[in-house]
C-alpha cells in the first residue's frame, strides 16, 4: 500500500482540492497534514483574528475527514522538518501541496523539495488551488507579468478554468501517525469581538446564500457601505475554505451583471497574486517608487494613533477603522478610503497601514493587502498614482444617509442624514451630543497640498 502526505496550507477544504484528489489516486493511504508553521509566527503573520478563524477551519476540516474515515494530523514547528518527519513516520513516497506566491512560500517550496528528494521522496506542487487562474498562466509579450489590470483581466477572462473536483468519498489514513490537539478558537488572546465563523461548512453555506440572493444586486450595491451588500467571502478565500475555481464557475452559471462584477473582483485577487509571484519584494518595497519622504516618528505618531483608533474627526474613516477593530473585517470601499487618508492625506508610509491591517484582518493576505495598499498609495499598479480620495465626498456618495457612520460611531448618532459626514458644521454641537467626538486632525486642503508638493519634489 502506497502512502502520500497532503500538506494543507491556504487550502483548508475537501471540495475541489487537486492535491488531495491526486494523493488519493490509486490504492493509496493519505496523511492529511497541517503544520503550525513557526516561520509564519516568527514573521508576525500569526495574528489573533486569523488564528481564531484558523481554529474553526482546522476543526471543520478534521470533522469532514472523519466523516470519510480519516482525520487531520496537526504538528507545529519548522514546516520542512515536520513534513519530512511525518513522511518518514508514514513511510510515504510523495508529498502533495498547493502552489503559493509569496517569497516565503516560494522559499518553503524549494527547501521542502530539496529535503524530500534527499530522502528519496517526491514533491508534487499543484497550481490553481488558491487562485482561479495560476500566476504566470497569462503574461504579456514583453514581461513575465501584467502590471495593469485591464489587459490582464481581458486575458484572464478568456482562460478555460479546470473542472471542479468533488470532495472524496473516503480517506484512509495509516495508523500510528501522532497529532497535536486541534486548536481552540478561544486560545488566542486579543481576538476582535465579532470575528466571523471559519471553516469549509460555513464558507460553502455563505457562498450558496450569496449566489442565491446577493450577487444579482452586487453591480449596483457593491459600494453601499451601510447596506453591507458584499459577499464577505474574502476570509474564506484567504484560508481556502472556498475554491476560487468553483466560485467563478458557479458565479458564471448564476449569470447577470452582478455576477460579472463579482467575478471581476476575483480576477483582481488573481492579478495581485501574479504580480507578487513575479516581484516578491513588492510585499515590503515600492513596486514603482515615487521616492516619497513619508512622515514618521513623533511628527506622525499622534496621527497614526488617531487613525488606528478611529479618532481622526472624519466620520467615514473612523467608522471603518472601528469596524475593523470590532470585526476583523472591513468593506472594500472603506479600505480604499482609510488607506488613502493615511498614505496621502496624512502622508504616512503605506507599510505602517498595511502592517496594521495585517494585525487585524481575518483575510489578511500578503499579496492583496500589500499590493492594494501600494495601489492606493500610488507606489503600485494604479495608472493614476496621485489620486486622493476625499473622505467627506466619498462618505456622502457611499453612505448618503449616514447609516454606516452612525452604526460604528455612536458619538454621532444624534446627527441626522448626510450632515453626519461634516459634524464640525453642526450649529449646536453640545445639543447634538458631539462633545466626545474629536475635531478633524488635519485640514483636507492642507493635506492635499502637502501630498502634491511631496510628489512634485520626489
Protein backbone atom coordinates (compact mmCIF):
# COMPACT_ATOMS: atom_id res chain seq x y z
CA UNK A 1 0.00 0.00 0.00
CA UNK A 2 1.48 3.32 -1.12
CA UNK A 3 1.22 6.35 1.18
CA UNK A 4 1.06 10.06 0.31
CA UNK A 5 1.20 13.14 2.52
CA UNK A 6 -1.04 16.09 1.66
CA UNK A 7 0.23 19.34 3.16
CA UNK A 8 -2.68 21.73 3.69
CA UNK A 9 -1.70 25.41 3.72
CA UNK A 10 -4.12 28.06 2.41
CA UNK A 11 -6.48 25.41 1.03
CA UNK A 12 -8.39 24.15 4.07
CA UNK A 13 -11.20 22.32 2.29
CA UNK A 14 -12.20 18.95 0.88
CA UNK A 15 -14.20 20.12 -2.15
CA UNK A 16 -12.20 20.97 -5.28
CA UNK A 17 -8.84 20.06 -3.78
CA UNK A 18 -6.46 18.85 -6.52
CA UNK A 19 -3.58 17.87 -4.18
CA UNK A 20 -5.88 15.66 -2.09
CA UNK A 21 -7.52 14.05 -5.10
CA UNK A 22 -4.13 13.36 -6.70
CA UNK A 23 -2.83 11.86 -3.47
CA UNK A 24 -5.85 9.54 -3.31
CA UNK A 25 -5.34 8.31 -6.85
CA UNK A 26 -4.91 4.53 -6.88
CA UNK A 27 -4.54 2.21 -3.89
CA UNK A 28 -3.14 4.85 -1.56
CA UNK A 29 -3.40 5.84 2.03
CA UNK A 30 -3.09 9.54 2.79
CA UNK A 31 -1.84 11.60 5.71
CA UNK A 32 -3.73 14.95 5.68
CA UNK A 33 -1.26 17.25 7.42
CA UNK A 34 -1.37 20.82 8.68
CA UNK A 35 1.71 22.39 10.23
CA UNK A 36 1.52 25.42 12.51
CA UNK A 37 4.47 26.97 10.74
CA UNK A 38 6.97 28.54 13.11
CA UNK A 39 8.26 30.73 10.28
CA UNK A 40 4.84 32.31 9.81
CA UNK A 41 4.59 33.05 13.54
CA UNK A 42 8.14 34.43 13.70
CA UNK A 43 7.37 36.77 10.79
CA UNK A 44 4.44 38.27 12.70
CA UNK A 45 1.67 36.89 10.49
CA UNK A 46 0.01 34.76 13.19
CA UNK A 47 -2.47 37.47 14.16
CA UNK A 48 -5.11 36.60 16.81
CA UNK A 49 -8.10 37.10 14.49
CA UNK A 50 -6.64 34.80 11.85
CA UNK A 51 -5.68 32.22 14.48
CA UNK A 52 -9.28 32.18 15.72
CA UNK A 53 -10.62 31.73 12.20
CA UNK A 54 -7.93 29.11 11.51
CA UNK A 55 -9.01 27.12 14.57
CA UNK A 56 -12.54 26.93 13.13
CA UNK A 57 -11.14 25.87 9.75
CA UNK A 58 -8.99 23.08 11.16
CA UNK A 59 -11.78 21.71 13.32
CA UNK A 60 -14.17 21.73 10.38
CA UNK A 61 -11.59 20.10 8.12
CA UNK A 62 -10.94 17.38 10.68
CA UNK A 63 -14.68 16.77 11.04
CA UNK A 64 -15.05 16.42 7.28
CA UNK A 65 -12.16 13.97 7.12
CA UNK A 66 -13.57 11.92 9.98
CA UNK A 67 -16.91 11.64 8.18
CA UNK A 68 -14.91 9.98 5.39
CA UNK A 69 -12.94 7.68 7.64
CA UNK A 70 -9.86 9.86 8.01
CA UNK A 71 -8.56 12.56 10.32
CA UNK A 72 -6.33 15.62 10.25
CA UNK A 73 -2.77 15.38 11.58
CA UNK A 74 -1.58 18.62 13.19
CA UNK A 75 2.03 19.45 14.00
CA UNK A 76 3.95 22.59 14.99
CA UNK A 77 7.45 23.78 14.15
CA UNK A 78 9.55 24.26 11.05
CA UNK A 79 7.28 23.18 8.21
CA UNK A 80 10.02 21.42 6.23
CA UNK A 81 11.26 19.45 9.21
CA UNK A 82 7.74 18.46 10.25
CA UNK A 83 6.67 17.35 6.77
CA UNK A 84 9.79 15.25 6.40
CA UNK A 85 9.26 13.77 9.86
CA UNK A 86 5.64 12.80 9.09
CA UNK A 87 6.62 11.41 5.68
CA UNK A 88 9.22 9.21 7.37
CA UNK A 89 6.80 8.05 10.07
CA UNK A 90 4.22 7.08 7.44
CA UNK A 91 6.82 5.67 5.02
CA UNK A 92 5.29 7.96 2.39
CA UNK A 93 6.87 8.16 -1.04
CA UNK A 94 5.40 11.51 -2.06
CA UNK A 95 4.03 14.81 -0.75
CA UNK A 96 1.34 16.92 -2.43
CA UNK A 97 0.71 20.62 -1.80
CA UNK A 98 -0.73 23.75 -3.44
CA UNK A 99 1.45 26.39 -5.05
CA UNK A 100 1.64 29.81 -3.39
CA UNK A 101 3.16 33.14 -4.38
CA UNK A 102 4.90 34.95 -1.52
CA UNK A 103 8.67 34.97 -1.19
CA UNK A 104 8.31 32.91 1.97
CA UNK A 105 6.09 30.33 0.24
CA UNK A 106 8.46 30.04 -2.71
CA UNK A 107 11.43 29.53 -0.38
CA UNK A 108 9.44 26.97 1.63
CA UNK A 109 8.69 25.02 -1.52
CA UNK A 110 12.35 24.96 -2.62
CA UNK A 111 13.52 23.88 0.84
CA UNK A 112 10.90 21.18 1.05
CA UNK A 113 11.69 19.80 -2.38
CA UNK A 114 15.40 19.54 -1.58
CA UNK A 115 14.76 17.90 1.78
CA UNK A 116 12.31 15.36 0.39
CA UNK A 117 14.48 14.48 -2.57
CA UNK A 118 17.41 13.92 -0.22
CA UNK A 119 15.24 11.27 1.45
CA UNK A 120 14.18 9.67 -1.82
CA UNK A 121 10.71 11.25 -1.86
CA UNK A 122 8.90 13.40 -4.43
CA UNK A 123 7.12 16.74 -4.04
CA UNK A 124 4.13 17.49 -6.27
CA UNK A 125 3.05 21.14 -6.36
CA UNK A 126 -0.42 21.84 -7.79
CA UNK A 127 -1.44 25.10 -9.49
CA UNK A 128 -4.86 26.84 -9.49
CA UNK A 129 -5.75 25.68 -6.00
CA UNK A 130 -5.58 29.06 -4.26
CA UNK A 131 -6.34 31.08 -7.44
CA UNK A 132 -8.78 30.73 -10.31
CA UNK A 133 -6.02 31.28 -12.88
CA UNK A 134 -2.50 30.36 -11.84
CA UNK A 135 0.15 33.11 -11.66
CA UNK A 136 2.11 33.08 -14.90
CA UNK A 137 -0.64 31.34 -16.87
CA UNK A 138 -1.25 34.57 -18.77
CA UNK A 139 1.55 37.04 -19.49
CA UNK A 140 2.08 39.98 -21.84
CA UNK A 141 4.51 39.65 -24.72
CA UNK A 142 7.11 41.92 -23.14
CA UNK A 143 7.12 40.87 -19.49
CA UNK A 144 6.74 37.99 -17.05
CA UNK A 145 3.59 39.51 -15.52
CA UNK A 146 0.89 42.10 -16.11
CA UNK A 147 1.35 45.45 -14.40
CA UNK A 148 -2.06 46.84 -15.46
CA UNK A 149 -5.31 45.14 -14.54
CA UNK A 150 -7.49 45.74 -17.63
CA UNK A 151 -5.34 43.84 -20.17
CA UNK A 152 -4.76 41.16 -17.54
CA UNK A 153 -8.50 40.77 -16.99
CA UNK A 154 -9.09 40.51 -20.73
CA UNK A 155 -6.75 37.52 -21.00
CA UNK A 156 -7.81 36.10 -17.61
CA UNK A 157 -11.44 36.05 -18.76
CA UNK A 158 -10.51 34.01 -21.83
CA UNK A 159 -8.84 31.22 -19.86
CA UNK A 160 -10.57 27.86 -19.62
CA UNK A 161 -10.75 27.00 -15.96
CA UNK A 162 -10.17 23.42 -14.89
CA UNK A 163 -13.19 21.36 -13.90
CA UNK A 164 -14.32 21.48 -10.29
CA UNK A 165 -13.43 18.35 -8.31
CA UNK A 166 -15.88 16.78 -5.88
CA UNK A 167 -14.93 16.02 -2.30
CA UNK A 168 -13.52 12.50 -1.81
CA UNK A 169 -15.93 9.83 -0.56
CA UNK A 170 -13.36 8.19 1.69
CA UNK A 171 -9.92 8.99 3.08
CA UNK A 172 -7.78 6.22 4.53
CA UNK A 173 -5.09 7.36 6.95
CA UNK A 174 -2.33 4.95 8.02
CA UNK A 175 -2.42 4.14 11.74
CA UNK A 176 0.09 5.35 14.30
CA UNK A 177 0.72 8.88 13.00
CA UNK A 178 0.68 11.16 16.02
CA UNK A 179 -1.06 14.51 16.07
CA UNK A 180 -1.29 17.51 18.35
CA UNK A 181 -4.68 18.56 19.66
CA UNK A 182 -6.75 20.75 17.40
CA UNK A 183 -6.55 24.44 18.38
CA UNK A 184 -9.47 26.19 20.01
CA UNK A 185 -10.96 29.47 18.83
CA UNK A 186 -10.76 30.68 22.43
CA UNK A 187 -6.99 30.10 22.60
CA UNK A 188 -5.53 33.26 21.01
CA UNK A 189 -5.73 36.42 23.11
CA UNK A 190 -6.76 39.72 21.55
CA UNK A 191 -9.41 38.39 19.17
CA UNK A 192 -11.87 41.00 17.90
CA UNK A 193 -15.35 40.56 19.41
CA UNK A 194 -17.22 39.79 16.18
CA UNK A 195 -14.84 37.70 14.07
CA UNK A 196 -16.89 35.55 11.69
CA UNK A 197 -17.00 31.77 11.90
CA UNK A 198 -14.46 29.90 9.81
CA UNK A 199 -14.40 26.52 8.10
CA UNK A 200 -15.47 24.97 4.82
CA UNK A 201 -19.01 24.30 6.05
CA UNK A 202 -19.54 27.98 6.88
CA UNK A 203 -17.81 29.08 3.67
CA UNK A 204 -19.91 26.89 1.38
CA UNK A 205 -23.08 27.95 3.17
CA UNK A 206 -22.17 31.61 2.68
CA UNK A 207 -21.26 31.06 -0.98
CA UNK A 208 -24.58 29.34 -1.73
CA UNK A 209 -26.56 32.05 0.04
CA UNK A 210 -24.63 34.79 -1.74
CA UNK A 211 -25.16 33.34 -5.20
CA UNK A 212 -28.80 32.72 -4.42
CA UNK A 213 -29.80 36.12 -3.10
CA UNK A 214 -26.92 38.62 -3.01
CA UNK A 215 -24.90 38.58 -6.20
CA UNK A 216 -27.69 39.80 -8.50
CA UNK A 217 -27.62 43.26 -6.87
CA UNK A 218 -23.83 43.39 -6.49
CA UNK A 219 -23.17 45.59 -9.52
CA UNK A 220 -25.41 48.31 -8.04
CA UNK A 221 -24.66 47.85 -4.33
CA UNK A 222 -21.02 46.83 -4.05
CA UNK A 223 -20.02 50.29 -2.72
CA UNK A 224 -23.02 50.67 -0.39
CA UNK A 225 -21.28 50.92 2.97
CA UNK A 226 -24.41 50.75 5.13
CA UNK A 227 -26.03 48.04 3.01
CA UNK A 228 -23.16 45.60 3.65
CA UNK A 229 -24.01 44.05 0.29
CA UNK A 230 -20.73 42.30 -0.49
CA UNK A 231 -20.16 38.54 -0.24
CA UNK A 232 -17.84 38.59 2.81
CA UNK A 233 -16.14 35.58 1.26
CA UNK A 234 -12.64 37.09 1.43
CA UNK A 235 -11.68 35.28 4.69
CA UNK A 236 -12.78 32.00 3.14
CA UNK A 237 -10.76 32.69 0.00
CA UNK A 238 -7.75 33.58 2.12
CA UNK A 239 -7.88 30.31 4.06
CA UNK A 240 -9.02 28.32 1.05
CA UNK A 241 -12.23 27.03 2.61
CA UNK A 242 -13.89 28.09 -0.65
CA UNK A 243 -12.30 27.28 -4.01
CA UNK A 244 -11.82 30.29 -6.30
CA UNK A 245 -12.21 28.00 -9.32
CA UNK A 246 -15.56 26.71 -8.07
CA UNK A 247 -16.60 30.23 -7.08
CA UNK A 248 -16.03 31.56 -10.62
CA UNK A 249 -17.77 28.59 -12.25
CA UNK A 250 -20.82 28.97 -10.02
CA UNK A 251 -20.96 32.76 -10.37
CA UNK A 252 -20.84 32.48 -14.15
CA UNK A 253 -23.67 29.96 -14.06
CA UNK A 254 -25.69 32.41 -11.95
CA UNK A 255 -25.13 34.99 -14.69
CA UNK A 256 -26.10 38.64 -14.91
CA UNK A 257 -24.25 41.94 -14.40
CA UNK A 258 -23.86 41.34 -10.65
CA UNK A 259 -22.12 38.02 -11.17
CA UNK A 260 -19.88 39.57 -13.82
CA UNK A 261 -18.87 42.37 -11.46
CA UNK A 262 -18.20 39.84 -8.70
CA UNK A 263 -16.03 37.66 -10.95
CA UNK A 264 -14.05 40.77 -11.82
CA UNK A 265 -13.19 41.15 -8.12
CA UNK A 266 -11.94 37.55 -8.05
CA UNK A 267 -9.75 38.44 -11.02
CA UNK A 268 -8.31 41.39 -9.05
CA UNK A 269 -7.26 38.89 -6.39
CA UNK A 270 -5.51 36.75 -9.00
CA UNK A 271 -3.95 39.86 -10.55
CA UNK A 272 -2.23 40.81 -7.31
CA UNK A 273 -1.01 37.27 -6.79
CA UNK A 274 0.61 37.15 -10.23
CA UNK A 275 2.31 40.48 -9.51
CA UNK A 276 3.69 39.23 -6.20
CA UNK A 277 4.74 35.88 -7.71
CA UNK A 278 6.87 37.78 -10.23
CA UNK A 279 8.02 40.52 -7.83
CA UNK A 280 8.13 39.04 -4.28
CA UNK A 281 9.94 42.13 -2.95
CA UNK A 282 6.75 44.15 -3.51
CA UNK A 283 5.50 42.80 -0.18
CA UNK A 284 7.69 45.39 1.53
CA UNK A 285 9.29 47.56 -1.18
CA UNK A 286 7.65 50.04 -3.56
CA UNK A 287 6.64 48.35 -6.80
CA UNK A 288 7.10 51.70 -8.54
CA UNK A 289 8.92 54.08 -6.26
CA UNK A 290 7.94 57.73 -6.07
CA UNK A 291 10.86 58.48 -3.74
CA UNK A 292 8.46 59.51 -1.03
CA UNK A 293 9.81 61.03 2.16
CA UNK A 294 6.99 59.73 4.33
CA UNK A 295 6.24 61.36 7.67
CA UNK A 296 7.43 59.23 10.56
CA UNK A 297 8.43 59.28 14.22
CA UNK A 298 6.97 61.81 16.63
CA UNK A 299 5.77 64.05 13.80
CA UNK A 300 3.29 61.42 12.65
CA UNK A 301 2.82 59.36 15.83
CA UNK A 302 -0.32 61.08 17.10
CA UNK A 303 -1.92 61.00 13.64
CA UNK A 304 -1.18 57.30 13.22
CA UNK A 305 -2.66 56.54 16.64
CA UNK A 306 -5.80 58.55 15.84
CA UNK A 307 -6.18 56.68 12.54
CA UNK A 308 -5.78 53.27 14.18
CA UNK A 309 -8.30 54.08 16.90
CA UNK A 310 -10.90 55.68 14.62
CA UNK A 311 -10.45 59.14 16.14
CA UNK A 312 -9.46 61.23 13.10
CA UNK A 313 -12.51 63.51 13.14
CA UNK A 314 -13.51 62.27 9.67
CA UNK A 315 -16.58 60.10 10.34
CA UNK A 316 -16.41 57.60 7.47
CA UNK A 317 -12.72 56.93 8.18
CA UNK A 318 -13.40 56.49 11.89
CA UNK A 319 -16.40 54.22 11.26
CA UNK A 320 -14.31 51.95 9.02
CA UNK A 321 -11.42 51.73 11.45
CA UNK A 322 -13.76 50.88 14.31
CA UNK A 323 -15.45 48.21 12.20
CA UNK A 324 -12.00 46.71 11.60
CA UNK A 325 -11.27 46.65 15.34
CA UNK A 326 -14.61 45.02 16.12
CA UNK A 327 -14.97 42.50 13.29
CA UNK A 328 -11.50 41.92 11.88
CA UNK A 329 -13.03 42.84 8.53
CA UNK A 330 -13.74 45.99 6.56
CA UNK A 331 -15.75 46.82 3.45
CA UNK A 332 -13.55 47.16 0.34
CA UNK A 333 -14.64 50.75 -0.34
CA UNK A 334 -13.82 51.58 3.28
CA UNK A 335 -10.37 50.02 2.85
CA UNK A 336 -9.69 52.35 -0.06
CA UNK A 337 -10.86 55.39 1.92
CA UNK A 338 -8.89 54.64 5.07
CA UNK A 339 -5.74 53.76 3.14
CA UNK A 340 -5.91 56.92 1.05
CA UNK A 341 -6.41 59.00 4.18
CA UNK A 342 -3.33 57.55 5.88
CA UNK A 343 -0.98 57.39 2.91
CA UNK A 344 -1.95 60.56 1.07
CA UNK A 345 -3.88 62.92 3.35
CA UNK A 346 -1.63 62.21 6.35
CA UNK A 347 1.33 61.27 4.12
CA UNK A 348 2.32 58.29 6.27
CA UNK A 349 4.23 55.31 4.88
CA UNK A 350 1.82 52.75 3.38
CA UNK A 351 3.74 49.96 5.14
CA UNK A 352 2.54 51.25 8.53
CA UNK A 353 -1.07 50.97 7.40
CA UNK A 354 -0.54 47.62 5.71
CA UNK A 355 1.00 46.24 8.91
CA UNK A 356 -1.96 47.44 10.98
CA UNK A 357 -4.40 45.81 8.57
CA UNK A 358 -2.46 42.54 8.74
CA UNK A 359 -2.63 42.65 12.53
CA UNK A 360 -6.45 42.67 12.42
CA UNK A 361 -7.86 41.45 9.10
CA UNK A 362 -9.06 37.85 9.07
CA UNK A 363 -8.48 37.92 5.31
CA UNK A 364 -5.03 39.50 5.78
CA UNK A 365 -3.27 38.26 2.66
CA UNK A 366 0.23 39.37 1.76
CA UNK A 367 -0.48 39.70 -1.96
CA UNK A 368 -3.80 41.51 -1.79
CA UNK A 369 -3.21 43.53 1.35
CA UNK A 370 0.23 44.84 0.41
CA UNK A 371 -0.50 45.44 -3.27
CA UNK A 372 -3.85 47.08 -2.59
CA UNK A 373 -2.08 49.39 -0.15
CA UNK A 374 0.51 50.17 -2.82
CA UNK A 375 -2.25 50.78 -5.36
CA UNK A 376 -3.83 53.34 -3.04
CA UNK A 377 -0.50 54.89 -2.02
CA UNK A 378 0.42 55.38 -5.67
CA UNK A 379 3.53 53.20 -5.49
CA UNK A 380 1.88 50.16 -7.06
CA UNK A 381 -0.08 49.39 -10.23
CA UNK A 382 -2.60 52.26 -10.20
CA UNK A 383 -2.43 54.13 -13.52
CA UNK A 384 -3.41 57.32 -11.63
CA UNK A 385 -0.92 57.18 -8.77
CA UNK A 386 -1.62 60.69 -7.45
CA UNK A 387 -5.39 60.38 -7.00
CA UNK A 388 -6.57 61.27 -3.49
CA UNK A 389 -9.94 60.16 -2.11
CA UNK A 390 -11.79 62.86 -0.20
CA UNK A 391 -13.39 61.21 2.87
CA UNK A 392 -16.23 63.74 3.05
CA UNK A 393 -17.17 63.42 -0.61
CA UNK A 394 -16.77 59.64 -0.53
CA UNK A 395 -18.80 59.39 2.66
CA UNK A 396 -21.70 61.32 1.18
CA UNK A 397 -21.55 59.25 -2.01
CA UNK A 398 -21.33 55.79 -0.48
CA UNK A 399 -23.14 56.41 2.82
CA UNK A 400 -25.62 59.12 1.78
CA UNK A 401 -27.91 58.74 4.80
CA UNK A 402 -25.04 58.36 7.26
CA UNK A 403 -26.29 54.97 8.47
CA UNK A 404 -22.86 53.33 8.25
CA UNK A 405 -21.23 56.11 10.26
CA UNK A 406 -23.91 56.10 12.95
CA UNK A 407 -23.62 52.31 13.25
CA UNK A 408 -19.94 52.48 14.18
CA UNK A 409 -19.52 55.96 15.67
CA UNK A 410 -22.08 56.25 18.46
CA UNK A 411 -20.97 59.80 19.28
CA UNK A 412 -22.63 60.88 16.01
CA UNK A 413 -25.98 59.15 16.39
CA UNK A 414 -27.63 62.46 17.20
CA UNK A 415 -26.74 63.93 13.79
CA UNK A 416 -29.32 63.30 11.08
CA UNK A 417 -28.74 62.42 7.43
CA UNK A 418 -25.68 63.37 5.41
CA UNK A 419 -24.74 66.08 7.93
CA UNK A 420 -23.05 63.30 9.88
CA UNK A 421 -20.13 63.45 7.43
CA UNK A 422 -19.31 67.05 8.44
CA UNK A 423 -20.03 67.20 12.17
CA UNK A 424 -17.84 70.29 12.59
CA UNK A 425 -20.55 72.21 10.71
CA UNK A 426 -23.33 71.24 13.14
CA UNK A 427 -24.52 74.56 14.66
CA UNK A 428 -25.06 73.40 18.24
CA UNK A 429 -22.51 70.65 18.88
CA UNK A 430 -23.37 70.20 22.55
CA UNK A 431 -27.06 69.82 21.78
CA UNK A 432 -26.23 67.17 19.18
CA UNK A 433 -24.10 65.30 21.73
CA UNK A 434 -20.83 65.83 19.88
CA UNK A 435 -18.65 66.78 22.86
CA UNK A 436 -16.88 63.40 22.79
CA UNK A 437 -16.16 63.37 19.07
CA UNK A 438 -12.81 64.89 18.02
CA UNK A 439 -12.25 67.74 15.63
CA UNK A 440 -10.52 66.79 12.34
CA UNK A 441 -6.84 66.09 12.90
CA UNK A 442 -5.96 67.71 9.57
CA UNK A 443 -7.49 70.12 7.08
CA UNK A 444 -8.11 68.20 3.85
CA UNK A 445 -6.88 71.00 1.63
CA UNK A 446 -3.66 71.26 3.62
CA UNK A 447 -3.15 67.50 3.44
CA UNK A 448 -3.71 67.51 -0.31
CA UNK A 449 -1.28 70.39 -0.82
CA UNK A 450 1.41 68.64 1.24
CA UNK A 451 0.99 65.41 -0.72
CA UNK A 452 1.17 67.16 -4.11
CA UNK A 453 4.24 69.12 -3.04
CA UNK A 454 5.93 65.94 -1.80
CA UNK A 455 5.23 64.07 -5.03
CA UNK A 456 6.35 67.02 -7.16
CA UNK A 457 9.58 67.19 -5.16
CA UNK A 458 10.13 63.43 -5.48
